[in-house]
C-alpha atoms as a PDB file:
ATOM      1  CA  UNK A   1     -31.554 -84.549 -49.175  1.00  0.00           C
ATOM      2  CA  UNK A   2     -33.709 -87.213 -50.610  1.00  0.00           C
ATOM      3  CA  UNK A   3     -32.647 -90.818 -49.534  1.00  0.00           C
ATOM      4  CA  UNK A   4     -34.520 -94.064 -50.914  1.00  0.00           C
ATOM      5  CA  UNK A   5     -34.289 -96.764 -48.299  1.00  0.00           C
ATOM      6  CA  UNK A   6     -34.610-100.464 -49.471  1.00  0.00           C
ATOM      7  CA  UNK A   7     -34.875-102.795 -46.440  1.00  0.00           C
ATOM      8  CA  UNK A   8     -36.505-102.125 -43.360  1.00  0.00           C
ATOM      9  CA  UNK A   9     -35.376-104.675 -40.948  1.00  0.00           C
ATOM     10  CA  UNK A  10     -34.245-104.225 -37.508  1.00  0.00           C
ATOM     11  CA  UNK A  11     -31.225-102.197 -38.580  1.00  0.00           C
ATOM     12  CA  UNK A  12     -32.907-100.542 -41.454  1.00  0.00           C
ATOM     13  CA  UNK A  13     -35.386 -99.254 -39.074  1.00  0.00           C
ATOM     14  CA  UNK A  14     -32.809 -98.022 -36.803  1.00  0.00           C
ATOM     15  CA  UNK A  15     -31.308 -96.090 -39.398  1.00  0.00           C
ATOM     16  CA  UNK A  16     -34.578 -94.725 -40.375  1.00  0.00           C
ATOM     17  CA  UNK A  17     -35.275 -93.758 -36.912  1.00  0.00           C
ATOM     18  CA  UNK A  18     -31.802 -92.152 -36.761  1.00  0.00           C
ATOM     19  CA  UNK A  19     -32.303 -90.020 -39.923  1.00  0.00           C
ATOM     20  CA  UNK A  20     -35.830 -88.934 -38.975  1.00  0.00           C
ATOM     21  CA  UNK A  21     -34.378 -86.722 -36.139  1.00  0.00           C
ATOM     22  CA  UNK A  22     -32.583 -84.770 -38.666  1.00  0.00           C
ATOM     23  CA  UNK A  23     -34.969 -82.387 -40.812  1.00  0.00           C
ATOM     24  CA  UNK A  24     -32.401 -82.267 -43.492  1.00  0.00           C
ATOM     25  CA  UNK A  25     -33.308 -85.392 -44.554  1.00  0.00           C
ATOM     26  CA  UNK A  26     -36.419 -86.774 -46.603  1.00  0.00           C
ATOM     27  CA  UNK A  27     -36.802 -90.597 -46.472  1.00  0.00           C
ATOM     28  CA  UNK A  28     -38.573 -92.573 -49.194  1.00  0.00           C
ATOM     29  CA  UNK A  29     -38.553 -96.327 -48.499  1.00  0.00           C
ATOM     30  CA  UNK A  30     -39.848 -99.732 -49.580  1.00  0.00           C
ATOM     31  CA  UNK A  31     -39.658-103.358 -48.024  1.00  0.00           C
ATOM     32  CA  UNK A  32     -41.239-106.567 -48.771  1.00  0.00           C
ATOM     33  CA  UNK A  33     -43.077-106.494 -45.510  1.00  0.00           C
ATOM     34  CA  UNK A  34     -46.069-104.301 -45.962  1.00  0.00           C
ATOM     35  CA  UNK A  35     -46.649-104.080 -42.210  1.00  0.00           C
ATOM     36  CA  UNK A  36     -43.810-101.758 -41.928  1.00  0.00           C
ATOM     37  CA  UNK A  37     -45.681 -98.952 -43.577  1.00  0.00           C
ATOM     38  CA  UNK A  38     -47.120 -97.630 -40.499  1.00  0.00           C
ATOM     39  CA  UNK A  39     -44.202 -97.748 -38.629  1.00  0.00           C
ATOM     40  CA  UNK A  40     -42.136 -95.955 -41.292  1.00  0.00           C
ATOM     41  CA  UNK A  41     -44.783 -93.426 -41.656  1.00  0.00           C
ATOM     42  CA  UNK A  42     -44.965 -92.612 -38.159  1.00  0.00           C
ATOM     43  CA  UNK A  43     -41.404 -91.648 -38.244  1.00  0.00           C
ATOM     44  CA  UNK A  44     -41.886 -89.167 -41.250  1.00  0.00           C
ATOM     45  CA  UNK A  45     -41.081 -91.352 -44.245  1.00  0.00           C
ATOM     46  CA  UNK A  46     -43.029 -91.881 -47.175  1.00  0.00           C
ATOM     47  CA  UNK A  47     -43.504 -95.726 -47.776  1.00  0.00           C
ATOM     48  CA  UNK A  48     -43.867 -97.249 -51.414  1.00  0.00           C
ATOM     49  CA  UNK A  49     -45.429-100.779 -51.678  1.00  0.00           C
ATOM     50  CA  UNK A  50     -43.140-101.406 -54.605  1.00  0.00           C
ATOM     51  CA  UNK A  51     -39.709-100.830 -55.779  1.00  0.00           C
ATOM     52  CA  UNK A  52     -40.648 -99.565 -59.210  1.00  0.00           C
ATOM     53  CA  UNK A  53     -43.144 -97.113 -57.419  1.00  0.00           C
ATOM     54  CA  UNK A  54     -40.191 -95.887 -55.347  1.00  0.00           C
ATOM     55  CA  UNK A  55     -37.965 -95.418 -57.816  1.00  0.00           C
ATOM     56  CA  UNK A  56     -40.169 -93.697 -60.380  1.00  0.00           C
ATOM     57  CA  UNK A  57     -41.391 -91.261 -57.910  1.00  0.00           C
ATOM     58  CA  UNK A  58     -39.857 -87.922 -57.964  1.00  0.00           C
ATOM     59  CA  UNK A  59     -38.405 -88.422 -61.745  1.00  0.00           C
ATOM     60  CA  UNK A  60     -35.418 -86.062 -62.659  1.00  0.00           C
ATOM     61  CA  UNK A  61     -34.026 -85.780 -59.021  1.00  0.00           C
ATOM     62  CA  UNK A  62     -30.659 -87.097 -58.061  1.00  0.00           C
ATOM     63  CA  UNK A  63     -31.081 -90.377 -56.381  1.00  0.00           C
ATOM     64  CA  UNK A  64     -29.354 -91.781 -53.350  1.00  0.00           C
ATOM     65  CA  UNK A  65     -30.381 -95.507 -52.669  1.00  0.00           C
ATOM     66  CA  UNK A  66     -29.600 -96.840 -49.286  1.00  0.00           C
ATOM     67  CA  UNK A  67     -29.752-100.650 -49.204  1.00  0.00           C
ATOM     68  CA  UNK A  68     -29.889-102.388 -45.705  1.00  0.00           C
ATOM     69  CA  UNK A  69     -30.480-106.121 -46.909  1.00  0.00           C
ATOM     70  CA  UNK A  70     -29.114-109.634 -46.237  1.00  0.00           C
ATOM     71  CA  UNK A  71     -25.794-110.160 -47.532  1.00  0.00           C
ATOM     72  CA  UNK A  72     -25.515-112.181 -50.853  1.00  0.00           C
ATOM     73  CA  UNK A  73     -28.144-113.055 -53.586  1.00  0.00           C
ATOM     74  CA  UNK A  74     -30.799-110.517 -52.453  1.00  0.00           C
ATOM     75  CA  UNK A  75     -28.521-107.621 -52.063  1.00  0.00           C
ATOM     76  CA  UNK A  76     -26.811-108.121 -55.514  1.00  0.00           C
ATOM     77  CA  UNK A  77     -29.718-108.930 -57.228  1.00  0.00           C
ATOM     78  CA  UNK A  78     -31.476-105.445 -55.667  1.00  0.00           C
ATOM     79  CA  UNK A  79     -28.471-103.639 -56.979  1.00  0.00           C
ATOM     80  CA  UNK A  80     -29.242-104.770 -60.557  1.00  0.00           C
ATOM     81  CA  UNK A  81     -33.091-104.230 -60.361  1.00  0.00           C
ATOM     82  CA  UNK A  82     -32.365-100.744 -59.259  1.00  0.00           C
ATOM     83  CA  UNK A  83     -30.047 -99.868 -62.221  1.00  0.00           C
ATOM     84  CA  UNK A  84     -32.506 -99.669 -64.879  1.00  0.00           C
ATOM     85  CA  UNK A  85     -34.348 -96.730 -62.897  1.00  0.00           C
ATOM     86  CA  UNK A  86     -31.176 -94.730 -62.222  1.00  0.00           C
ATOM     87  CA  UNK A  87     -29.468 -92.119 -64.186  1.00  0.00           C
ATOM     88  CA  UNK A  88     -25.742 -91.215 -64.419  1.00  0.00           C
ATOM     89  CA  UNK A  89     -24.486 -89.757 -61.077  1.00  0.00           C
ATOM     90  CA  UNK A  90     -26.688 -91.491 -59.100  1.00  0.00           C
ATOM     91  CA  UNK A  91     -25.681 -93.355 -55.895  1.00  0.00           C
ATOM     92  CA  UNK A  92     -26.292 -96.981 -54.489  1.00  0.00           C
ATOM     93  CA  UNK A  93     -25.108 -97.236 -50.626  1.00  0.00           C
ATOM     94  CA  UNK A  94     -24.719-100.984 -49.827  1.00  0.00           C
ATOM     95  CA  UNK A  95     -24.486-100.606 -45.741  1.00  0.00           C
ATOM     96  CA  UNK A  96     -25.189-104.535 -45.068  1.00  0.00           C
ATOM     97  CA  UNK A  97     -22.968-107.124 -44.390  1.00  0.00           C
ATOM     98  CA  UNK A  98     -22.029-108.024 -48.074  1.00  0.00           C
ATOM     99  CA  UNK A  99     -18.920-109.828 -48.725  1.00  0.00           C
ATOM    100  CA  UNK A 100     -16.138-107.555 -50.150  1.00  0.00           C
ATOM    101  CA  UNK A 101     -15.814-109.171 -53.373  1.00  0.00           C
ATOM    102  CA  UNK A 102     -19.709-109.104 -53.891  1.00  0.00           C
ATOM    103  CA  UNK A 103     -19.084-105.359 -53.231  1.00  0.00           C
ATOM    104  CA  UNK A 104     -16.348-105.124 -56.045  1.00  0.00           C
ATOM    105  CA  UNK A 105     -18.885-106.812 -58.474  1.00  0.00           C
ATOM    106  CA  UNK A 106     -21.638-104.540 -57.698  1.00  0.00           C
ATOM    107  CA  UNK A 107     -19.333-101.497 -58.034  1.00  0.00           C
ATOM    108  CA  UNK A 108     -18.276-102.500 -61.595  1.00  0.00           C
ATOM    109  CA  UNK A 109     -21.904-103.058 -62.465  1.00  0.00           C
ATOM    110  CA  UNK A 110     -22.943 -99.762 -61.061  1.00  0.00           C
ATOM    111  CA  UNK A 111     -19.958 -97.995 -62.800  1.00  0.00           C
ATOM    112  CA  UNK A 112     -20.938 -99.244 -66.461  1.00  0.00           C
ATOM    113  CA  UNK A 113     -24.428 -97.552 -65.940  1.00  0.00           C
ATOM    114  CA  UNK A 114     -22.387 -94.152 -64.576  1.00  0.00           C
ATOM    115  CA  UNK A 115     -23.669 -94.989 -61.111  1.00  0.00           C
ATOM    116  CA  UNK A 116     -21.827 -94.472 -57.914  1.00  0.00           C
ATOM    117  CA  UNK A 117     -21.237 -97.383 -55.407  1.00  0.00           C
ATOM    118  CA  UNK A 118     -20.351 -97.118 -52.035  1.00  0.00           C
ATOM    119  CA  UNK A 119     -19.790 -99.986 -49.527  1.00  0.00           C
ATOM    120  CA  UNK A 120     -20.459 -99.352 -46.020  1.00  0.00           C
ATOM    121  CA  UNK A 121     -19.529-101.762 -43.199  1.00  0.00           C
ATOM    122  CA  UNK A 122     -22.238-100.739 -40.223  1.00  0.00           C
ATOM    123  CA  UNK A 123     -21.225-101.670 -36.726  1.00  0.00           C
ATOM    124  CA  UNK A 124     -22.877-101.082 -33.367  1.00  0.00           C
ATOM    125  CA  UNK A 125     -25.962-103.079 -33.618  1.00  0.00           C
ATOM    126  CA  UNK A 126     -29.469-101.788 -33.685  1.00  0.00           C
ATOM    127  CA  UNK A 127     -28.625 -99.421 -30.899  1.00  0.00           C
ATOM    128  CA  UNK A 128     -25.644 -97.878 -33.026  1.00  0.00           C
ATOM    129  CA  UNK A 129     -28.098 -97.594 -36.179  1.00  0.00           C
ATOM    130  CA  UNK A 130     -30.575 -95.828 -34.295  1.00  0.00           C
ATOM    131  CA  UNK A 131     -28.272 -93.446 -32.048  1.00  0.00           C
ATOM    132  CA  UNK A 132     -25.219 -93.292 -33.602  1.00  0.00           C
ATOM    133  CA  UNK A 133     -23.207 -96.120 -35.522  1.00  0.00           C
ATOM    134  CA  UNK A 134     -19.769 -96.820 -36.282  1.00  0.00           C
ATOM    135  CA  UNK A 135     -19.091 -97.073 -40.419  1.00  0.00           C
ATOM    136  CA  UNK A 136     -16.519 -97.868 -42.584  1.00  0.00           C
ATOM    137  CA  UNK A 137     -16.755 -96.759 -46.233  1.00  0.00           C
ATOM    138  CA  UNK A 138     -15.346 -98.055 -49.430  1.00  0.00           C
ATOM    139  CA  UNK A 139     -15.388 -96.501 -53.079  1.00  0.00           C
ATOM    140  CA  UNK A 140     -14.743 -93.606 -55.244  1.00  0.00           C
ATOM    141  CA  UNK A 141     -12.809 -91.076 -52.727  1.00  0.00           C
ATOM    142  CA  UNK A 142     -14.210 -87.849 -54.579  1.00  0.00           C
ATOM    143  CA  UNK A 143     -17.862 -89.183 -54.251  1.00  0.00           C
ATOM    144  CA  UNK A 144     -17.469 -90.142 -50.744  1.00  0.00           C
ATOM    145  CA  UNK A 145     -16.593 -86.458 -49.875  1.00  0.00           C
ATOM    146  CA  UNK A 146     -20.216 -85.692 -51.268  1.00  0.00           C
ATOM    147  CA  UNK A 147     -21.943 -87.972 -49.093  1.00  0.00           C
ATOM    148  CA  UNK A 148     -19.556 -87.552 -46.140  1.00  0.00           C
ATOM    149  CA  UNK A 149     -22.000 -85.338 -44.184  1.00  0.00           C
ATOM    150  CA  UNK A 150     -24.733 -88.146 -44.321  1.00  0.00           C
ATOM    151  CA  UNK A 151     -22.301 -90.620 -42.936  1.00  0.00           C
ATOM    152  CA  UNK A 152     -21.162 -88.298 -40.269  1.00  0.00           C
ATOM    153  CA  UNK A 153     -24.665 -87.641 -39.111  1.00  0.00           C
ATOM    154  CA  UNK A 154     -25.463 -91.269 -38.723  1.00  0.00           C
ATOM    155  CA  UNK A 155     -22.272 -91.966 -36.660  1.00  0.00           C
ATOM    156  CA  UNK A 156     -21.201 -91.276 -33.184  1.00  0.00           C
ATOM    157  CA  UNK A 157     -18.124 -88.692 -33.041  1.00  0.00           C
ATOM    158  CA  UNK A 158     -14.926 -90.377 -34.811  1.00  0.00           C
ATOM    159  CA  UNK A 159     -17.046 -93.248 -35.781  1.00  0.00           C
ATOM    160  CA  UNK A 160     -16.700 -93.082 -39.526  1.00  0.00           C
ATOM    161  CA  UNK A 161     -13.725 -93.882 -41.726  1.00  0.00           C
ATOM    162  CA  UNK A 162     -13.133 -93.603 -45.398  1.00  0.00           C
ATOM    163  CA  UNK A 163     -11.193 -96.839 -45.979  1.00  0.00           C
ATOM    164  CA  UNK A 164     -10.279 -96.840 -49.718  1.00  0.00           C
ATOM    165  CA  UNK A 165     -11.273 -98.144 -53.085  1.00  0.00           C
ATOM    166  CA  UNK A 166     -14.437-100.577 -53.608  1.00  0.00           C
ATOM    167  CA  UNK A 167     -14.619-103.405 -51.422  1.00  0.00           C
ATOM    168  CA  UNK A 168     -12.485-101.979 -48.314  1.00  0.00           C
ATOM    169  CA  UNK A 169     -15.347-100.649 -46.122  1.00  0.00           C
ATOM    170  CA  UNK A 170     -17.177-104.278 -46.272  1.00  0.00           C
ATOM    171  CA  UNK A 171     -13.375-105.920 -46.077  1.00  0.00           C
ATOM    172  CA  UNK A 172     -12.752-104.023 -42.653  1.00  0.00           C
ATOM    173  CA  UNK A 173     -16.167-104.934 -41.419  1.00  0.00           C
ATOM    174  CA  UNK A 174     -15.482-108.416 -42.162  1.00  0.00           C
ATOM    175  CA  UNK A 175     -12.071-108.482 -39.966  1.00  0.00           C
ATOM    176  CA  UNK A 176     -13.949-106.521 -37.496  1.00  0.00           C
ATOM    177  CA  UNK A 177     -16.879-109.097 -37.179  1.00  0.00           C
ATOM    178  CA  UNK A 178     -13.990-111.669 -37.192  1.00  0.00           C
ATOM    179  CA  UNK A 179     -12.447-109.946 -34.223  1.00  0.00           C
ATOM    180  CA  UNK A 180     -15.952-109.904 -32.682  1.00  0.00           C
ATOM    181  CA  UNK A 181     -16.281-113.518 -32.796  1.00  0.00           C
ATOM    182  CA  UNK A 182     -13.195-114.238 -30.828  1.00  0.00           C
ATOM    183  CA  UNK A 183     -13.988-111.711 -28.261  1.00  0.00           C
ATOM    184  CA  UNK A 184     -17.391-112.874 -27.679  1.00  0.00           C
ATOM    185  CA  UNK A 185     -15.995-116.540 -27.343  1.00  0.00           C
ATOM    186  CA  UNK A 186     -13.483-115.497 -24.691  1.00  0.00           C
ATOM    187  CA  UNK A 187     -15.811-114.018 -22.672  1.00  0.00           C
ATOM    188  CA  UNK A 188     -18.160-116.799 -23.084  1.00  0.00           C
ATOM    189  CA  UNK A 189     -15.540-119.331 -21.970  1.00  0.00           C
ATOM    190  CA  UNK A 190     -14.440-117.211 -19.047  1.00  0.00           C
ATOM    191  CA  UNK A 191     -17.901-117.016 -17.477  1.00  0.00           C
ATOM    192  CA  UNK A 192     -18.324-120.725 -18.035  1.00  0.00           C
ATOM    193  CA  UNK A 193     -15.283-121.312 -16.012  1.00  0.00           C
ATOM    194  CA  UNK A 194     -16.433-119.078 -13.289  1.00  0.00           C
ATOM    195  CA  UNK A 195     -19.876-120.528 -13.217  1.00  0.00           C
ATOM    196  CA  UNK A 196     -18.461-123.806 -12.398  1.00  0.00           C
ATOM    197  CA  UNK A 197     -15.518-122.282 -10.197  1.00  0.00           C
ATOM    198  CA  UNK A 198     -15.339-123.620  -6.254  1.00  0.00           C
ATOM    199  CA  UNK A 199     -16.195-119.862  -5.451  1.00  0.00           C
ATOM    200  CA  UNK A 200     -19.895-118.558  -5.315  1.00  0.00           C
ATOM    201  CA  UNK A 201     -19.457-115.726  -7.595  1.00  0.00           C
ATOM    202  CA  UNK A 202     -22.242-113.263  -8.550  1.00  0.00           C
ATOM    203  CA  UNK A 203     -21.724-113.103 -12.313  1.00  0.00           C
ATOM    204  CA  UNK A 204     -23.826-109.858 -12.800  1.00  0.00           C
ATOM    205  CA  UNK A 205     -21.562-107.976 -10.547  1.00  0.00           C
ATOM    206  CA  UNK A 206     -18.201-109.703 -11.939  1.00  0.00           C
ATOM    207  CA  UNK A 207     -19.146-108.525 -15.275  1.00  0.00           C
ATOM    208  CA  UNK A 208     -19.922-105.049 -13.751  1.00  0.00           C
ATOM    209  CA  UNK A 209     -16.529-104.907 -11.821  1.00  0.00           C
ATOM    210  CA  UNK A 210     -14.814-106.026 -15.219  1.00  0.00           C
ATOM    211  CA  UNK A 211     -16.481-103.253 -16.923  1.00  0.00           C
ATOM    212  CA  UNK A 212     -15.033-100.498 -14.508  1.00  0.00           C
ATOM    213  CA  UNK A 213     -11.548 -99.892 -14.940  1.00  0.00           C
ATOM    214  CA  UNK A 214     -10.361-103.207 -15.917  1.00  0.00           C
ATOM    215  CA  UNK A 215      -8.248-104.113 -19.257  1.00  0.00           C
ATOM    216  CA  UNK A 216     -11.390-105.847 -20.699  1.00  0.00           C
ATOM    217  CA  UNK A 217     -13.991-103.247 -20.341  1.00  0.00           C
ATOM    218  CA  UNK A 218     -16.222-103.276 -23.039  1.00  0.00           C
ATOM    219  CA  UNK A 219     -19.861-102.867 -24.581  1.00  0.00           C
ATOM    220  CA  UNK A 220     -19.742-106.790 -24.835  1.00  0.00           C
ATOM    221  CA  UNK A 221     -18.937-106.875 -21.219  1.00  0.00           C
ATOM    222  CA  UNK A 222     -21.920-104.570 -20.561  1.00  0.00           C
ATOM    223  CA  UNK A 223     -24.116-107.007 -22.469  1.00  0.00           C
ATOM    224  CA  UNK A 224     -22.661-109.827 -20.531  1.00  0.00           C
ATOM    225  CA  UNK A 225     -23.805-107.954 -17.299  1.00  0.00           C
ATOM    226  CA  UNK A 226     -27.118-107.735 -18.896  1.00  0.00           C
ATOM    227  CA  UNK A 227     -27.339-111.385 -19.532  1.00  0.00           C
ATOM    228  CA  UNK A 228     -26.616-112.393 -15.730  1.00  0.00           C
ATOM    229  CA  UNK A 229     -28.985-109.823 -14.644  1.00  0.00           C
ATOM    230  CA  UNK A 230     -31.710-112.053 -15.854  1.00  0.00           C
ATOM    231  CA  UNK A 231     -30.068-115.571 -15.650  1.00  0.00           C
ATOM    232  CA  UNK A 232     -33.154-117.204 -16.357  1.00  0.00           C
ATOM    233  CA  UNK A 233     -32.931-116.212 -20.059  1.00  0.00           C
ATOM    234  CA  UNK A 234     -29.979-118.871 -20.224  1.00  0.00           C
ATOM    235  CA  UNK A 235     -32.394-121.591 -19.590  1.00  0.00           C
ATOM    236  CA  UNK A 236     -34.735-120.664 -22.372  1.00  0.00           C
ATOM    237  CA  UNK A 237     -32.805-121.150 -25.236  1.00  0.00           C
ATOM    238  CA  UNK A 238     -30.792-123.984 -26.792  1.00  0.00           C
ATOM    239  CA  UNK A 239     -27.453-122.392 -27.203  1.00  0.00           C
ATOM    240  CA  UNK A 240     -27.216-122.596 -31.003  1.00  0.00           C
ATOM    241  CA  UNK A 241     -25.064-120.020 -32.109  1.00  0.00           C
ATOM    242  CA  UNK A 242     -25.686-119.352 -35.964  1.00  0.00           C
ATOM    243  CA  UNK A 243     -23.082-118.095 -38.094  1.00  0.00           C
ATOM    244  CA  UNK A 244     -23.734-115.384 -40.499  1.00  0.00           C
ATOM    245  CA  UNK A 245     -20.748-115.703 -42.782  1.00  0.00           C
ATOM    246  CA  UNK A 246     -18.356-112.833 -41.728  1.00  0.00           C
ATOM    247  CA  UNK A 247     -16.364-115.121 -39.527  1.00  0.00           C
ATOM    248  CA  UNK A 248     -15.821-117.490 -42.328  1.00  0.00           C
ATOM    249  CA  UNK A 249     -14.852-114.836 -44.847  1.00  0.00           C
ATOM    250  CA  UNK A 250     -12.308-113.655 -42.482  1.00  0.00           C
ATOM    251  CA  UNK A 251     -10.847-117.227 -41.791  1.00  0.00           C
ATOM    252  CA  UNK A 252     -10.848-117.811 -45.780  1.00  0.00           C
ATOM    253  CA  UNK A 253      -8.894-114.502 -46.254  1.00  0.00           C
ATOM    254  CA  UNK A 254      -6.578-115.379 -43.321  1.00  0.00           C
ATOM    255  CA  UNK A 255      -5.970-118.883 -45.240  1.00  0.00           C
ATOM    256  CA  UNK A 256      -5.492-116.981 -48.661  1.00  0.00           C
ATOM    257  CA  UNK A 257      -2.996-114.486 -46.738  1.00  0.00           C
ATOM    258  CA  UNK A 258      -1.310-117.376 -44.936  1.00  0.00           C
ATOM    259  CA  UNK A 259      -1.813-115.626 -41.672  1.00  0.00           C
ATOM    260  CA  UNK A 260      -2.408-117.676 -38.555  1.00  0.00           C
ATOM    261  CA  UNK A 261      -5.829-116.713 -37.073  1.00  0.00           C
ATOM    262  CA  UNK A 262      -6.318-119.508 -34.382  1.00  0.00           C
ATOM    263  CA  UNK A 263      -8.841-117.675 -32.015  1.00  0.00           C
ATOM    264  CA  UNK A 264     -11.212-116.475 -34.671  1.00  0.00           C
ATOM    265  CA  UNK A 265     -10.895-120.047 -36.455  1.00  0.00           C
ATOM    266  CA  UNK A 266     -11.662-121.871 -33.147  1.00  0.00           C
ATOM    267  CA  UNK A 267     -14.645-119.441 -32.380  1.00  0.00           C
ATOM    268  CA  UNK A 268     -16.399-120.104 -35.619  1.00  0.00           C
ATOM    269  CA  UNK A 269     -15.644-124.048 -35.244  1.00  0.00           C
ATOM    270  CA  UNK A 270     -17.400-123.631 -31.759  1.00  0.00           C
ATOM    271  CA  UNK A 271     -20.470-122.104 -33.660  1.00  0.00           C
ATOM    272  CA  UNK A 272     -20.536-124.964 -36.195  1.00  0.00           C
ATOM    273  CA  UNK A 273     -20.355-127.344 -33.266  1.00  0.00           C
ATOM    274  CA  UNK A 274     -23.237-125.707 -31.664  1.00  0.00           C
ATOM    275  CA  UNK A 275     -25.518-126.335 -34.383  1.00  0.00           C
ATOM    276  CA  UNK A 276     -24.739-130.177 -34.602  1.00  0.00           C
ATOM    277  CA  UNK A 277     -27.875-132.098 -33.723  1.00  0.00           C
ATOM    278  CA  UNK A 278     -26.088-135.296 -34.619  1.00  0.00           C
ATOM    279  CA  UNK A 279     -22.787-135.151 -32.588  1.00  0.00           C
ATOM    280  CA  UNK A 280     -21.074-137.922 -34.394  1.00  0.00           C
ATOM    281  CA  UNK A 281     -17.488-136.944 -33.756  1.00  0.00           C
ATOM    282  CA  UNK A 282     -18.344-136.820 -30.012  1.00  0.00           C
ATOM    283  CA  UNK A 283     -19.751-140.119 -30.057  1.00  0.00           C
ATOM    284  CA  UNK A 284     -16.722-141.592 -32.095  1.00  0.00           C
ATOM    285  CA  UNK A 285     -14.351-140.329 -29.370  1.00  0.00           C
ATOM    286  CA  UNK A 286     -16.410-141.698 -26.632  1.00  0.00           C
ATOM    287  CA  UNK A 287     -16.767-145.040 -28.178  1.00  0.00           C
ATOM    288  CA  UNK A 288     -12.955-144.996 -29.221  1.00  0.00           C
ATOM    289  CA  UNK A 289     -12.305-144.561 -25.594  1.00  0.00           C
ATOM    290  CA  UNK A 290     -14.640-147.286 -24.602  1.00  0.00           C
ATOM    291  CA  UNK A 291     -12.814-149.585 -26.827  1.00  0.00           C
ATOM    292  CA  UNK A 292      -9.270-149.110 -25.984  1.00  0.00           C
ATOM    293  CA  UNK A 293      -9.608-148.261 -22.390  1.00  0.00           C
ATOM    294  CA  UNK A 294     -12.848-149.668 -21.332  1.00  0.00           C
ATOM    295  CA  UNK A 295     -14.061-146.081 -20.428  1.00  0.00           C
ATOM    296  CA  UNK A 296     -17.961-146.076 -20.061  1.00  0.00           C
ATOM    297  CA  UNK A 297     -19.694-144.005 -22.675  1.00  0.00           C
ATOM    298  CA  UNK A 298     -22.626-142.009 -21.483  1.00  0.00           C
ATOM    299  CA  UNK A 299     -25.885-143.243 -22.872  1.00  0.00           C
ATOM    300  CA  UNK A 300     -28.216-141.076 -24.387  1.00  0.00           C
ATOM    301  CA  UNK A 301     -31.029-139.273 -22.260  1.00  0.00           C
ATOM    302  CA  UNK A 302     -29.063-140.592 -19.117  1.00  0.00           C
ATOM    303  CA  UNK A 303     -30.050-138.710 -16.148  1.00  0.00           C
END
């Protein structure tokens, strides 16, 4: 099977590495970063410097386009740039973290050209993309059956799910990421308390024991153990936690459905707070306490 990959970032290169281990696939790819030509070709792929060169090669063949691009404008624009090169019965797969409503609109645009569109939520990080991912797929059920072997080859056993109509794959991944926000926040808060506890816990060993038989064992706990195995890395970062969008979308959906999601909401707000350079709210509270109760406010840069 020929696959045209567009987007060779960390996840894209992971998928490419995964596919390169299976002789059933012939990969043709492109990326704006021309430096990725050599590493992609070392994996057996054919690299094209431009989109048009990628999509005009091998004319007459059925095409399966695999997009692994940042969500939003770039992905949506790429779908529309691909369509003039495609013919009826071709396929576009968006395996990035697109918003499900964008995926529904992209599916409609593709359907108008007779092109199939599948939205694939991809979980497992770079490790999963490379060695076996978890994928949640939305789109036409009959067409999913035709590409199901590809999805199964990319995933761990029982790691693939056909979710339903267009948008349902990315919707499920959105909620997955919202859950992930809350889980990471609770782990971080728990270990913050342990770091300041009246007992001298070895946090690496604590994470290790949590991950052997306890109720909270998980891959995230394994990664926590990795962090405390080299605790100096905590001092090397600022503690700013970017938010890529999925948590916000999850909360927006909860509000639309009038469903309470306080843990996920608070975890997102914590991320927003971490990005604040001018902590006006905290300063206002400190000065209010000073004015009504005479509580001293800590001066900036105080030692």
